[in-house]
Amino acid sequence: MTKSEITKIYDLEERTFEFAKRCRAFVKKLRKTIANIEDGRQLIRASGSVGANYIEANESLSKKDFVMRVKISRKEAKESRYWLKLLDTSDSDDLIREQGELIAEATELMNIFGAILRKS
């Protein structure tokens, strides 16, 4: 692996970690309705799973295992986007903006994992 490849791996691991942290901080700011609590739990699980599966992919023992883990990361990013869209932020312009930023990040992560899969 070249230094450039190692940096890219680290950057994506860090990026997925930051995404999960941002999702957790976002959920803490939401109104505590039954729907937000349940959807927030799902978002926390899915957003954490994006990075966890990417780390597993980088430690995979075979190309087949790598591809499967990256597919799971992509699926979890897509699921995170779904839960983000369901959360009720209608009472705050700041929350609406932050929700949009997180949805955009989930979409970008999906696209990155899709590109990795096409190249694998």
PDB file of N, CA and C in Angstrom:
ATOM      1  N   MET A   1       0.833  -1.178   0.000  1.00  0.00           N
ATOM      2  CA  MET A   1       0.000   0.000   0.000  1.00  0.00           C
ATOM      3  C   MET A   1       0.886   1.253   0.000  1.00  0.00           C
ATOM      4  N   THR A   2       0.524   2.204  -0.858  1.00  0.00           N
ATOM      5  CA  THR A   2       1.286   3.446  -0.911  1.00  0.00           C
ATOM      6  C   THR A   2       0.853   4.369   0.218  1.00  0.00           C
ATOM      7  N   LYS A   3       1.678   5.395   0.461  1.00  0.00           N
ATOM      8  CA  LYS A   3       1.344   6.366   1.506  1.00  0.00           C
ATOM      9  C   LYS A   3       0.020   7.059   1.186  1.00  0.00           C
ATOM     10  N   SER A   4      -0.215   7.330  -0.081  1.00  0.00           N
ATOM     11  CA  SER A   4      -1.459   7.980  -0.513  1.00  0.00           C
ATOM     12  C   SER A   4      -2.671   7.101  -0.203  1.00  0.00           C
ATOM     13  N   GLU A   5      -2.553   5.792  -0.458  1.00  0.00           N
ATOM     14  CA  GLU A   5      -3.656   4.866  -0.166  1.00  0.00           C
ATOM     15  C   GLU A   5      -3.919   4.792   1.335  1.00  0.00           C
ATOM     16  N   ILE A   6      -2.866   4.767   2.124  1.00  0.00           N
ATOM     17  CA  ILE A   6      -3.015   4.716   3.583  1.00  0.00           C
ATOM     18  C   ILE A   6      -3.718   5.977   4.074  1.00  0.00           C
ATOM     19  N   THR A   7      -3.332   7.137   3.544  1.00  0.00           N
ATOM     20  CA  THR A   7      -3.965   8.397   3.928  1.00  0.00           C
ATOM     21  C   THR A   7      -5.440   8.379   3.579  1.00  0.00           C
ATOM     22  N   LYS A   8      -5.782   7.871   2.388  1.00  0.00           N
ATOM     23  CA  LYS A   8      -7.188   7.804   1.978  1.00  0.00           C
ATOM     24  C   LYS A   8      -7.984   6.891   2.907  1.00  0.00           C
ATOM     25  N   ILE A   9      -7.420   5.758   3.264  1.00  0.00           N
ATOM     26  CA  ILE A   9      -8.099   4.839   4.179  1.00  0.00           C
ATOM     27  C   ILE A   9      -8.340   5.535   5.507  1.00  0.00           C
ATOM     28  N   TYR A  10      -7.303   6.167   6.031  1.00  0.00           N
ATOM     29  CA  TYR A  10      -7.436   6.861   7.311  1.00  0.00           C
ATOM     30  C   TYR A  10      -8.486   7.952   7.211  1.00  0.00           C
ATOM     31  N   ASP A  11      -8.451   8.716   6.135  1.00  0.00           N
ATOM     32  CA  ASP A  11      -9.400   9.816   5.983  1.00  0.00           C
ATOM     33  C   ASP A  11     -10.838   9.309   5.965  1.00  0.00           C
ATOM     34  N   LEU A  12     -11.104   8.218   5.280  1.00  0.00           N
ATOM     35  CA  LEU A  12     -12.465   7.693   5.225  1.00  0.00           C
ATOM     36  C   LEU A  12     -12.865   7.069   6.560  1.00  0.00           C
ATOM     37  N   GLU A  13     -11.933   6.434   7.233  1.00  0.00           N
ATOM     38  CA  GLU A  13     -12.235   5.930   8.579  1.00  0.00           C
ATOM     39  C   GLU A  13     -12.569   7.093   9.503  1.00  0.00           C
ATOM     40  N   GLU A  14     -11.795   8.153   9.439  1.00  0.00           N
ATOM     41  CA  GLU A  14     -12.037   9.328  10.273  1.00  0.00           C
ATOM     42  C   GLU A  14     -13.350  10.011   9.884  1.00  0.00           C
ATOM     43  N   ARG A  15     -13.602  10.073   8.600  1.00  0.00           N
ATOM     44  CA  ARG A  15     -14.831  10.725   8.120  1.00  0.00           C
ATOM     45  C   ARG A  15     -16.072   9.972   8.584  1.00  0.00           C
ATOM     46  N   THR A  16     -16.037   8.661   8.521  1.00  0.00           N
ATOM     47  CA  THR A  16     -17.190   7.878   8.973  1.00  0.00           C
ATOM     48  C   THR A  16     -17.352   7.981  10.491  1.00  0.00           C
ATOM     49  N   PHE A  17     -16.242   8.066  11.195  1.00  0.00           N
ATOM     50  CA  PHE A  17     -16.285   8.246  12.648  1.00  0.00           C
ATOM     51  C   PHE A  17     -16.931   9.586  12.991  1.00  0.00           C
ATOM     52  N   GLU A  18     -16.509  10.639  12.310  1.00  0.00           N
ATOM     53  CA  GLU A  18     -17.072  11.972  12.545  1.00  0.00           C
ATOM     54  C   GLU A  18     -18.555  12.009  12.181  1.00  0.00           C
ATOM     55  N   PHE A  19     -18.949  11.306  11.131  1.00  0.00           N
ATOM     56  CA  PHE A  19     -20.361  11.238  10.749  1.00  0.00           C
ATOM     57  C   PHE A  19     -21.184  10.626  11.878  1.00  0.00           C
ATOM     58  N   ALA A  20     -20.707   9.531  12.436  1.00  0.00           N
ATOM     59  CA  ALA A  20     -21.425   8.873  13.541  1.00  0.00           C
ATOM     60  C   ALA A  20     -21.511   9.800  14.750  1.00  0.00           C
ATOM     61  N   LYS A  21     -20.415  10.504  15.074  1.00  0.00           N
ATOM     62  CA  LYS A  21     -20.429  11.434  16.201  1.00  0.00           C
ATOM     63  C   LYS A  21     -21.402  12.578  15.960  1.00  0.00           C
ATOM     64  N   ARG A  22     -21.415  13.110  14.743  1.00  0.00           N
ATOM     65  CA  ARG A  22     -22.335  14.210  14.410  1.00  0.00           C
ATOM     66  C   ARG A  22     -23.790  13.749  14.506  1.00  0.00           C
ATOM     67  N   CYS A  23     -24.063  12.526  14.085  1.00  0.00           N
ATOM     68  CA  CYS A  23     -25.428  11.999  14.179  1.00  0.00           C
ATOM     69  C   CYS A  23     -25.855  11.889  15.635  1.00  0.00           C
ATOM     70  N   ARG A  24     -24.966  11.437  16.494  1.00  0.00           N
ATOM     71  CA  ARG A  24     -25.284  11.321  17.918  1.00  0.00           C
ATOM     72  C   ARG A  24     -25.558  12.689  18.539  1.00  0.00           C
ATOM     73  N   ALA A  25     -24.732  13.656  18.207  1.00  0.00           N
ATOM     74  CA  ALA A  25     -24.923  15.007  18.739  1.00  0.00           C
ATOM     75  C   ALA A  25     -26.241  15.595  18.220  1.00  0.00           C
ATOM     76  N   PHE A  26     -26.574  15.313  16.976  1.00  0.00           N
ATOM     77  CA  PHE A  26     -27.815  15.795  16.379  1.00  0.00           C
ATOM     78  C   PHE A  26     -29.030  15.216  17.090  1.00  0.00           C
ATOM     79  N   VAL A  27     -29.008  13.921  17.360  1.00  0.00           N
ATOM     80  CA  VAL A  27     -30.126  13.251  18.033  1.00  0.00           C
ATOM     81  C   VAL A  27     -30.357  13.854  19.415  1.00  0.00           C
ATOM     82  N   LYS A  28     -29.288  14.220  20.102  1.00  0.00           N
ATOM     83  CA  LYS A  28     -29.420  14.815  21.438  1.00  0.00           C
ATOM     84  C   LYS A  28     -30.184  16.131  21.415  1.00  0.00           C
ATOM     85  N   LYS A  29     -30.149  16.844  20.295  1.00  0.00           N
ATOM     86  CA  LYS A  29     -30.789  18.163  20.188  1.00  0.00           C
ATOM     87  C   LYS A  29     -32.271  18.090  19.837  1.00  0.00           C
ATOM     88  N   LEU A  30     -32.739  16.927  19.414  1.00  0.00           N
ATOM     89  CA  LEU A  30     -34.122  16.797  18.932  1.00  0.00           C
ATOM     90  C   LEU A  30     -35.133  16.793  20.072  1.00  0.00           C
ATOM     91  N   ARG A  31     -36.361  17.212  19.734  1.00  0.00           N
ATOM     92  CA  ARG A  31     -37.452  17.091  20.705  1.00  0.00           C
ATOM     93  C   ARG A  31     -37.645  15.618  21.020  1.00  0.00           C
ATOM     94  N   LYS A  32     -37.979  15.321  22.250  1.00  0.00           N
ATOM     95  CA  LYS A  32     -38.093  13.935  22.707  1.00  0.00           C
ATOM     96  C   LYS A  32     -39.508  13.388  22.478  1.00  0.00           C
ATOM     97  N   THR A  33     -39.879  13.260  21.201  1.00  0.00           N
ATOM     98  CA  THR A  33     -41.150  12.616  20.880  1.00  0.00           C
ATOM     99  C   THR A  33     -40.888  11.123  20.736  1.00  0.00           C
ATOM    100  N   ILE A  34     -41.936  10.325  20.783  1.00  0.00           N
ATOM    101  CA  ILE A  34     -41.771   8.873  20.625  1.00  0.00           C
ATOM    102  C   ILE A  34     -41.112   8.558  19.282  1.00  0.00           C
ATOM    103  N   ALA A  35     -41.578   9.231  18.234  1.00  0.00           N
ATOM    104  CA  ALA A  35     -41.015   8.979  16.898  1.00  0.00           C
ATOM    105  C   ALA A  35     -39.534   9.356  16.836  1.00  0.00           C
ATOM    106  N   ASN A  36     -39.190  10.529  17.350  1.00  0.00           N
ATOM    107  CA  ASN A  36     -37.788  10.952  17.313  1.00  0.00           C
ATOM    108  C   ASN A  36     -36.892  10.041  18.141  1.00  0.00           C
ATOM    109  N   ILE A  37     -37.397   9.568  19.259  1.00  0.00           N
ATOM    110  CA  ILE A  37     -36.595   8.664  20.092  1.00  0.00           C
ATOM    111  C   ILE A  37     -36.322   7.363  19.339  1.00  0.00           C
ATOM    112  N   GLU A  38     -37.360   6.781  18.767  1.00  0.00           N
ATOM    113  CA  GLU A  38     -37.189   5.505  18.049  1.00  0.00           C
ATOM    114  C   GLU A  38     -36.349   5.673  16.786  1.00  0.00           C
ATOM    115  N   ASP A  39     -36.658   6.708  15.992  1.00  0.00           N
ATOM    116  CA  ASP A  39     -35.896   6.933  14.764  1.00  0.00           C
ATOM    117  C   ASP A  39     -34.460   7.335  15.084  1.00  0.00           C
ATOM    118  N   GLY A  40     -34.270   8.071  16.173  1.00  0.00           N
ATOM    119  CA  GLY A  40     -32.924   8.448  16.606  1.00  0.00           C
ATOM    120  C   GLY A  40     -32.093   7.236  16.989  1.00  0.00           C
ATOM    121  N   ARG A  41     -32.708   6.292  17.658  1.00  0.00           N
ATOM    122  CA  ARG A  41     -31.998   5.047  18.005  1.00  0.00           C
ATOM    123  C   ARG A  41     -31.527   4.328  16.746  1.00  0.00           C
ATOM    124  N   GLN A  42     -32.420   4.257  15.782  1.00  0.00           N
ATOM    125  CA  GLN A  42     -32.064   3.590  14.518  1.00  0.00           C
ATOM    126  C   GLN A  42     -30.929   4.328  13.811  1.00  0.00           C
ATOM    127  N   LEU A  43     -30.994   5.669  13.825  1.00  0.00           N
ATOM    128  CA  LEU A  43     -29.937   6.466  13.200  1.00  0.00           C
ATOM    129  C   LEU A  43     -28.601   6.232  13.889  1.00  0.00           C
ATOM    130  N   ILE A  44     -28.610   6.192  15.201  1.00  0.00           N
ATOM    131  CA  ILE A  44     -27.366   5.969  15.938  1.00  0.00           C
ATOM    132  C   ILE A  44     -26.762   4.616  15.568  1.00  0.00           C
ATOM    133  N   ARG A  45     -27.594   3.590  15.483  1.00  0.00           N
ATOM    134  CA  ARG A  45     -27.089   2.256  15.109  1.00  0.00           C
ATOM    135  C   ARG A  45     -26.515   2.259  13.692  1.00  0.00           C
ATOM    136  N   ALA A  46     -27.297   2.783  12.757  1.00  0.00           N
ATOM    137  CA  ALA A  46     -26.883   2.741  11.349  1.00  0.00           C
ATOM    138  C   ALA A  46     -25.634   3.593  11.109  1.00  0.00           C
ATOM    139  N   SER A  47     -25.600   4.794  11.680  1.00  0.00           N
ATOM    140  CA  SER A  47     -24.460   5.683  11.433  1.00  0.00           C
ATOM    141  C   SER A  47     -23.163   5.113  12.018  1.00  0.00           C
ATOM    142  N   GLY A  48     -23.249   4.467  13.152  1.00  0.00           N
ATOM    143  CA  GLY A  48     -22.067   3.826  13.730  1.00  0.00           C
ATOM    144  C   GLY A  48     -21.614   2.625  12.930  1.00  0.00           C
ATOM    145  N   SER A  49     -22.558   1.945  12.344  1.00  0.00           N
ATOM    146  CA  SER A  49     -22.253   0.753  11.563  1.00  0.00           C
ATOM    147  C   SER A  49     -21.536   1.069  10.252  1.00  0.00           C
ATOM    148  N   VAL A  50     -21.731   2.276   9.729  1.00  0.00           N
ATOM    149  CA  VAL A  50     -21.049   2.682   8.490  1.00  0.00           C
ATOM    150  C   VAL A  50     -19.541   2.544   8.683  1.00  0.00           C
ATOM    151  N   GLY A  51     -19.031   3.216   9.695  1.00  0.00           N
ATOM    152  CA  GLY A  51     -17.592   3.200   9.946  1.00  0.00           C
ATOM    153  C   GLY A  51     -17.082   1.871  10.462  1.00  0.00           C
ATOM    154  N   ALA A  52     -17.861   1.233  11.312  1.00  0.00           N
ATOM    155  CA  ALA A  52     -17.427  -0.051  11.874  1.00  0.00           C
ATOM    156  C   ALA A  52     -17.213  -1.086  10.762  1.00  0.00           C
ATOM    157  N   ASN A  53     -18.121  -1.118   9.811  1.00  0.00           N
ATOM    158  CA  ASN A  53     -17.971  -2.071   8.704  1.00  0.00           C
ATOM    159  C   ASN A  53     -16.853  -1.669   7.756  1.00  0.00           C
ATOM    160  N   TYR A  54     -16.611  -0.374   7.604  1.00  0.00           N
ATOM    161  CA  TYR A  54     -15.488   0.049   6.769  1.00  0.00           C
ATOM    162  C   TYR A  54     -14.159  -0.349   7.408  1.00  0.00           C
ATOM    163  N   ILE A  55     -14.050  -0.216   8.721  1.00  0.00           N
ATOM    164  CA  ILE A  55     -12.842  -0.662   9.420  1.00  0.00           C
ATOM    165  C   ILE A  55     -12.658  -2.166   9.222  1.00  0.00           C
ATOM    166  N   GLU A  56     -13.757  -2.912   9.343  1.00  0.00           N
ATOM    167  CA  GLU A  56     -13.692  -4.361   9.105  1.00  0.00           C
ATOM    168  C   GLU A  56     -13.246  -4.660   7.671  1.00  0.00           C
ATOM    169  N   ALA A  57     -13.717  -3.871   6.719  1.00  0.00           N
ATOM    170  CA  ALA A  57     -13.320  -4.069   5.321  1.00  0.00           C
ATOM    171  C   ALA A  57     -11.813  -3.899   5.163  1.00  0.00           C
ATOM    172  N   ASN A  58     -11.265  -2.907   5.828  1.00  0.00           N
ATOM    173  CA  ASN A  58      -9.820  -2.667   5.734  1.00  0.00           C
ATOM    174  C   ASN A  58      -8.997  -3.758   6.392  1.00  0.00           C
ATOM    175  N   GLU A  59      -9.615  -4.525   7.272  1.00  0.00           N
ATOM    176  CA  GLU A  59      -8.927  -5.632   7.931  1.00  0.00           C
ATOM    177  C   GLU A  59      -9.301  -6.989   7.337  1.00  0.00           C
ATOM    178  N   SER A  60     -10.019  -6.963   6.224  1.00  0.00           N
ATOM    179  CA  SER A  60     -10.533  -8.207   5.643  1.00  0.00           C
ATOM    180  C   SER A  60      -9.401  -9.119   5.183  1.00  0.00           C
ATOM    181  N   LEU A  61      -9.719 -10.397   5.155  1.00  0.00           N
ATOM    182  CA  LEU A  61      -8.734 -11.400   4.769  1.00  0.00           C
ATOM    183  C   LEU A  61      -8.806 -11.761   3.291  1.00  0.00           C
ATOM    184  N   SER A  62      -9.884 -11.376   2.643  1.00  0.00           N
ATOM    185  CA  SER A  62     -10.028 -11.684   1.226  1.00  0.00           C
ATOM    186  C   SER A  62     -10.731 -10.535   0.522  1.00  0.00           C
ATOM    187  N   LYS A  63     -10.602 -10.527  -0.793  1.00  0.00           N
ATOM    188  CA  LYS A  63     -11.271  -9.491  -1.586  1.00  0.00           C
ATOM    189  C   LYS A  63     -12.788  -9.628  -1.468  1.00  0.00           C
ATOM    190  N   LYS A  64     -13.272 -10.856  -1.421  1.00  0.00           N
ATOM    191  CA  LYS A  64     -14.714 -11.099  -1.296  1.00  0.00           C
ATOM    192  C   LYS A  64     -15.241 -10.509   0.020  1.00  0.00           C
ATOM    193  N   ASP A  65     -14.501 -10.709   1.101  1.00  0.00           N
ATOM    194  CA  ASP A  65     -14.882 -10.157   2.404  1.00  0.00           C
ATOM    195  C   ASP A  65     -14.840  -8.630   2.368  1.00  0.00           C
ATOM    196  N   PHE A  66     -13.807  -8.070   1.727  1.00  0.00           N
ATOM    197  CA  PHE A  66     -13.692  -6.620   1.595  1.00  0.00           C
ATOM    198  C   PHE A  66     -14.918  -6.053   0.883  1.00  0.00           C
ATOM    199  N   VAL A  67     -15.269  -6.635  -0.241  1.00  0.00           N
ATOM    200  CA  VAL A  67     -16.406  -6.160  -1.031  1.00  0.00           C
ATOM    201  C   VAL A  67     -17.694  -6.249  -0.217  1.00  0.00           C
ATOM    202  N   MET A  68     -17.884  -7.338   0.498  1.00  0.00           N
ATOM    203  CA  MET A  68     -19.102  -7.502   1.298  1.00  0.00           C
ATOM    204  C   MET A  68     -19.193  -6.440   2.388  1.00  0.00           C
ATOM    205  N   ARG A  69     -18.094  -6.155   3.070  1.00  0.00           N
ATOM    206  CA  ARG A  69     -18.096  -5.149   4.136  1.00  0.00           C
ATOM    207  C   ARG A  69     -18.348  -3.750   3.582  1.00  0.00           C
ATOM    208  N   VAL A  70     -17.774  -3.447   2.424  1.00  0.00           N
ATOM    209  CA  VAL A  70     -18.010  -2.141   1.808  1.00  0.00           C
ATOM    210  C   VAL A  70     -19.475  -2.025   1.386  1.00  0.00           C
ATOM    211  N   LYS A  71     -20.048  -3.114   0.894  1.00  0.00           N
ATOM    212  CA  LYS A  71     -21.481  -3.105   0.541  1.00  0.00           C
ATOM    213  C   LYS A  71     -22.330  -2.831   1.783  1.00  0.00           C
ATOM    214  N   ILE A  72     -21.961  -3.423   2.900  1.00  0.00           N
ATOM    215  CA  ILE A  72     -22.699  -3.190   4.146  1.00  0.00           C
ATOM    216  C   ILE A  72     -22.545  -1.732   4.577  1.00  0.00           C
ATOM    217  N   SER A  73     -21.337  -1.183   4.453  1.00  0.00           N
ATOM    218  CA  SER A  73     -21.129   0.230   4.801  1.00  0.00           C
ATOM    219  C   SER A  73     -22.021   1.117   3.945  1.00  0.00           C
ATOM    220  N   ARG A  74     -22.101   0.819   2.664  1.00  0.00           N
ATOM    221  CA  ARG A  74     -22.950   1.606   1.763  1.00  0.00           C
ATOM    222  C   ARG A  74     -24.415   1.490   2.175  1.00  0.00           C
ATOM    223  N   LYS A  75     -24.835   0.274   2.482  1.00  0.00           N
ATOM    224  CA  LYS A  75     -26.220   0.045   2.909  1.00  0.00           C
ATOM    225  C   LYS A  75     -26.532   0.802   4.190  1.00  0.00           C
ATOM    226  N   GLU A  76     -25.611   0.810   5.139  1.00  0.00           N
ATOM    227  CA  GLU A  76     -25.826   1.510   6.404  1.00  0.00           C
ATOM    228  C   GLU A  76     -25.849   3.022   6.207  1.00  0.00           C
ATOM    229  N   ALA A  77     -25.060   3.537   5.269  1.00  0.00           N
ATOM    230  CA  ALA A  77     -25.104   4.973   4.959  1.00  0.00           C
ATOM    231  C   ALA A  77     -26.465   5.330   4.364  1.00  0.00           C
ATOM    232  N   LYS A  78     -26.960   4.441   3.504  1.00  0.00           N
ATOM    233  CA  LYS A  78     -28.281   4.659   2.905  1.00  0.00           C
ATOM    234  C   LYS A  78     -29.369   4.606   3.973  1.00  0.00           C
ATOM    235  N   GLU A  79     -29.241   3.676   4.890  1.00  0.00           N
ATOM    236  CA  GLU A  79     -30.201   3.571   5.985  1.00  0.00           C
ATOM    237  C   GLU A  79     -30.121   4.793   6.900  1.00  0.00           C
ATOM    238  N   SER A  80     -28.919   5.286   7.165  1.00  0.00           N
ATOM    239  CA  SER A  80     -28.757   6.494   7.979  1.00  0.00           C
ATOM    240  C   SER A  80     -29.492   7.664   7.344  1.00  0.00           C
ATOM    241  N   ARG A  81     -29.356   7.777   6.034  1.00  0.00           N
ATOM    242  CA  ARG A  81     -30.046   8.852   5.316  1.00  0.00           C
ATOM    243  C   ARG A  81     -31.553   8.741   5.488  1.00  0.00           C
ATOM    244  N   TYR A  82     -32.056   7.524   5.427  1.00  0.00           N
ATOM    245  CA  TYR A  82     -33.487   7.283   5.601  1.00  0.00           C
ATOM    246  C   TYR A  82     -33.967   7.757   6.975  1.00  0.00           C
ATOM    247  N   TRP A  83     -33.253   7.359   8.022  1.00  0.00           N
ATOM    248  CA  TRP A  83     -33.650   7.750   9.378  1.00  0.00           C
ATOM    249  C   TRP A  83     -33.518   9.256   9.579  1.00  0.00           C
ATOM    250  N   LEU A  84     -32.500   9.854   8.989  1.00  0.00           N
ATOM    251  CA  LEU A  84     -32.347  11.306   9.077  1.00  0.00           C
ATOM    252  C   LEU A  84     -33.545  12.029   8.464  1.00  0.00           C
ATOM    253  N   LYS A  85     -34.027  11.510   7.341  1.00  0.00           N
ATOM    254  CA  LYS A  85     -35.174  12.130   6.680  1.00  0.00           C
ATOM    255  C   LYS A  85     -36.447  12.007   7.521  1.00  0.00           C
ATOM    256  N   LEU A  86     -36.560  10.952   8.299  1.00  0.00           N
ATOM    257  CA  LEU A  86     -37.756  10.738   9.112  1.00  0.00           C
ATOM    258  C   LEU A  86     -37.817  11.599  10.372  1.00  0.00           C
ATOM    259  N   LEU A  87     -36.678  12.009  10.874  1.00  0.00           N
ATOM    260  CA  LEU A  87     -36.651  12.760  12.128  1.00  0.00           C
ATOM    261  C   LEU A  87     -37.358  14.103  11.990  1.00  0.00           C
ATOM    262  N   ASP A  88     -38.108  14.472  13.019  1.00  0.00           N
ATOM    263  CA  ASP A  88     -38.880  15.719  13.028  1.00  0.00           C
ATOM    264  C   ASP A  88     -38.020  16.862  13.549  1.00  0.00           C
ATOM    265  N   THR A  89     -37.703  17.793  12.645  1.00  0.00           N
ATOM    266  CA  THR A  89     -36.904  18.963  13.012  1.00  0.00           C
ATOM    267  C   THR A  89     -37.676  20.255  12.743  1.00  0.00           C
ATOM    268  N   SER A  90     -38.976  20.151  12.557  1.00  0.00           N
ATOM    269  CA  SER A  90     -39.778  21.276  12.080  1.00  0.00           C
ATOM    270  C   SER A  90     -39.800  22.483  13.015  1.00  0.00           C
ATOM    271  N   ASP A  91     -39.361  22.319  14.238  1.00  0.00           N
ATOM    272  CA  ASP A  91     -39.431  23.429  15.190  1.00  0.00           C
ATOM    273  C   ASP A  91     -38.169  24.296  15.222  1.00  0.00           C
ATOM    274  N   SER A  92     -37.177  24.009  14.374  1.00  0.00           N
ATOM    275  CA  SER A  92     -35.923  24.760  14.439  1.00  0.00           C
ATOM    276  C   SER A  92     -35.241  24.834  13.073  1.00  0.00           C
ATOM    277  N   ASP A  93     -34.975  26.049  12.620  1.00  0.00           N
ATOM    278  CA  ASP A  93     -34.256  26.232  11.361  1.00  0.00           C
ATOM    279  C   ASP A  93     -32.837  25.659  11.447  1.00  0.00           C
ATOM    280  N   ASP A  94     -32.207  25.791  12.618  1.00  0.00           N
ATOM    281  CA  ASP A  94     -30.856  25.246  12.795  1.00  0.00           C
ATOM    282  C   ASP A  94     -30.850  23.727  12.659  1.00  0.00           C
ATOM    283  N   LEU A  95     -31.857  23.075  13.237  1.00  0.00           N
ATOM    284  CA  LEU A  95     -31.946  21.613  13.129  1.00  0.00           C
ATOM    285  C   LEU A  95     -32.239  21.187  11.690  1.00  0.00           C
ATOM    286  N   ILE A  96     -33.073  21.946  10.999  1.00  0.00           N
ATOM    287  CA  ILE A  96     -33.382  21.634   9.596  1.00  0.00           C
ATOM    288  C   ILE A  96     -32.099  21.724   8.755  1.00  0.00           C
ATOM    289  N   ARG A  97     -31.298  22.761   8.991  1.00  0.00           N
ATOM    290  CA  ARG A  97     -30.039  22.932   8.266  1.00  0.00           C
ATOM    291  C   ARG A  97     -29.068  21.788   8.573  1.00  0.00           C
ATOM    292  N   GLU A  98     -28.949  21.469   9.863  1.00  0.00           N
ATOM    293  CA  GLU A  98     -28.040  20.390  10.266  1.00  0.00           C
ATOM    294  C   GLU A  98     -28.504  19.048   9.699  1.00  0.00           C
ATOM    295  N   GLN A  99     -29.807  18.827   9.702  1.00  0.00           N
ATOM    296  CA  GLN A  99     -30.364  17.602   9.126  1.00  0.00           C
ATOM    297  C   GLN A  99     -29.979  17.498   7.644  1.00  0.00           C
ATOM    298  N   GLY A 100     -30.109  18.605   6.922  1.00  0.00           N
ATOM    299  CA  GLY A 100     -29.744  18.621   5.503  1.00  0.00           C
ATOM    300  C   GLY A 100     -28.274  18.317   5.280  1.00  0.00           C
ATOM    301  N   GLU A 101     -27.415  18.874   6.133  1.00  0.00           N
ATOM    302  CA  GLU A 101     -25.976  18.611   6.027  1.00  0.00           C
ATOM    303  C   GLU A 101     -25.660  17.137   6.270  1.00  0.00           C
ATOM    304  N   LEU A 102     -26.320  16.541   7.264  1.00  0.00           N
ATOM    305  CA  LEU A 102     -26.091  15.121   7.564  1.00  0.00           C
ATOM    306  C   LEU A 102     -26.623  14.227   6.451  1.00  0.00           C
ATOM    307  N   ILE A 103     -27.748  14.598   5.874  1.00  0.00           N
ATOM    308  CA  ILE A 103     -28.287  13.835   4.741  1.00  0.00           C
ATOM    309  C   ILE A 103     -27.310  13.912   3.563  1.00  0.00           C
ATOM    310  N   ALA A 104     -26.753  15.097   3.326  1.00  0.00           N
ATOM    311  CA  ALA A 104     -25.770  15.257   2.248  1.00  0.00           C
ATOM    312  C   ALA A 104     -24.523  14.414   2.511  1.00  0.00           C
ATOM    313  N   GLU A 105     -24.067  14.376   3.756  1.00  0.00           N
ATOM    314  CA  GLU A 105     -22.890  13.572   4.102  1.00  0.00           C
ATOM    315  C   GLU A 105     -23.178  12.085   3.922  1.00  0.00           C
ATOM    316  N   ALA A 106     -24.357  11.634   4.346  1.00  0.00           N
ATOM    317  CA  ALA A 106     -24.727  10.225   4.153  1.00  0.00           C
ATOM    318  C   ALA A 106     -24.748   9.887   2.667  1.00  0.00           C
ATOM    319  N   THR A 107     -25.257  10.780   1.862  1.00  0.00           N
ATOM    320  CA  THR A 107     -25.305  10.566   0.409  1.00  0.00           C
ATOM    321  C   THR A 107     -23.899  10.504  -0.174  1.00  0.00           C
ATOM    322  N   GLU A 108     -23.022  11.410   0.271  1.00  0.00           N
ATOM    323  CA  GLU A 108     -21.635  11.382  -0.204  1.00  0.00           C
ATOM    324  C   GLU A 108     -20.940  10.087   0.189  1.00  0.00           C
ATOM    325  N   LEU A 109     -21.161   9.637   1.411  1.00  0.00           N
ATOM    326  CA  LEU A 109     -20.562   8.366   1.841  1.00  0.00           C
ATOM    327  C   LEU A 109     -21.075   7.217   0.988  1.00  0.00           C
ATOM    328  N   MET A 110     -22.375   7.210   0.690  1.00  0.00           N
ATOM    329  CA  MET A 110     -22.927   6.173  -0.192  1.00  0.00           C
ATOM    330  C   MET A 110     -22.212   6.190  -1.546  1.00  0.00           C
ATOM    331  N   ASN A 111     -22.006   7.382  -2.085  1.00  0.00           N
ATOM    332  CA  ASN A 111     -21.346   7.510  -3.388  1.00  0.00           C
ATOM    333  C   ASN A 111     -19.896   7.057  -3.330  1.00  0.00           C
ATOM    334  N   ILE A 112     -19.213   7.383  -2.252  1.00  0.00           N
ATOM    335  CA  ILE A 112     -17.811   6.959  -2.092  1.00  0.00           C
ATOM    336  C   ILE A 112     -17.738   5.440  -2.030  1.00  0.00           C
ATOM    337  N   PHE A 113     -18.587   4.821  -1.218  1.00  0.00           N
ATOM    338  CA  PHE A 113     -18.566   3.362  -1.123  1.00  0.00           C
ATOM    339  C   PHE A 113     -18.964   2.721  -2.442  1.00  0.00           C
ATOM    340  N   GLY A 114     -19.896   3.351  -3.158  1.00  0.00           N
ATOM    341  CA  GLY A 114     -20.268   2.851  -4.487  1.00  0.00           C
ATOM    342  C   GLY A 114     -19.088   2.885  -5.442  1.00  0.00           C
ATOM    343  N   ALA A 115     -18.303   3.971  -5.392  1.00  0.00           N
ATOM    344  CA  ALA A 115     -17.118   4.081  -6.253  1.00  0.00           C
ATOM    345  C   ALA A 115     -16.078   3.019  -5.882  1.00  0.00           C
ATOM    346  N   ILE A 116     -15.893   2.787  -4.589  1.00  0.00           N
ATOM    347  CA  ILE A 116     -14.962   1.748  -4.138  1.00  0.00           C
ATOM    348  C   ILE A 116     -15.401   0.390  -4.685  1.00  0.00           C
ATOM    349  N   LEU A 117     -16.698   0.122  -4.632  1.00  0.00           N
ATOM    350  CA  LEU A 117     -17.211  -1.152  -5.136  1.00  0.00           C
ATOM    351  C   LEU A 117     -16.996  -1.295  -6.647  1.00  0.00           C
ATOM    352  N   ARG A 118     -17.208  -0.217  -7.387  1.00  0.00           N
ATOM    353  CA  ARG A 118     -17.017  -0.285  -8.844  1.00  0.00           C
ATOM    354  C   ARG A 118     -15.554  -0.561  -9.202  1.00  0.00           C
ATOM    355  N   LYS A 119     -14.635  -0.056  -8.374  1.00  0.00           N
ATOM    356  CA  LYS A 119     -13.206  -0.239  -8.643  1.00  0.00           C
ATOM    357  C   LYS A 119     -12.679  -1.571  -8.117  1.00  0.00           C
ATOM    358  N   SER A 120     -13.458  -2.243  -7.280  1.00  0.00           N
ATOM    359  CA  SER A 120     -12.975  -3.495  -6.662  1.00  0.00           C
ATOM    360  C   SER A 120     -13.264  -4.694  -7.526  1.00  0.00           C
TER     361      SER A 120
END
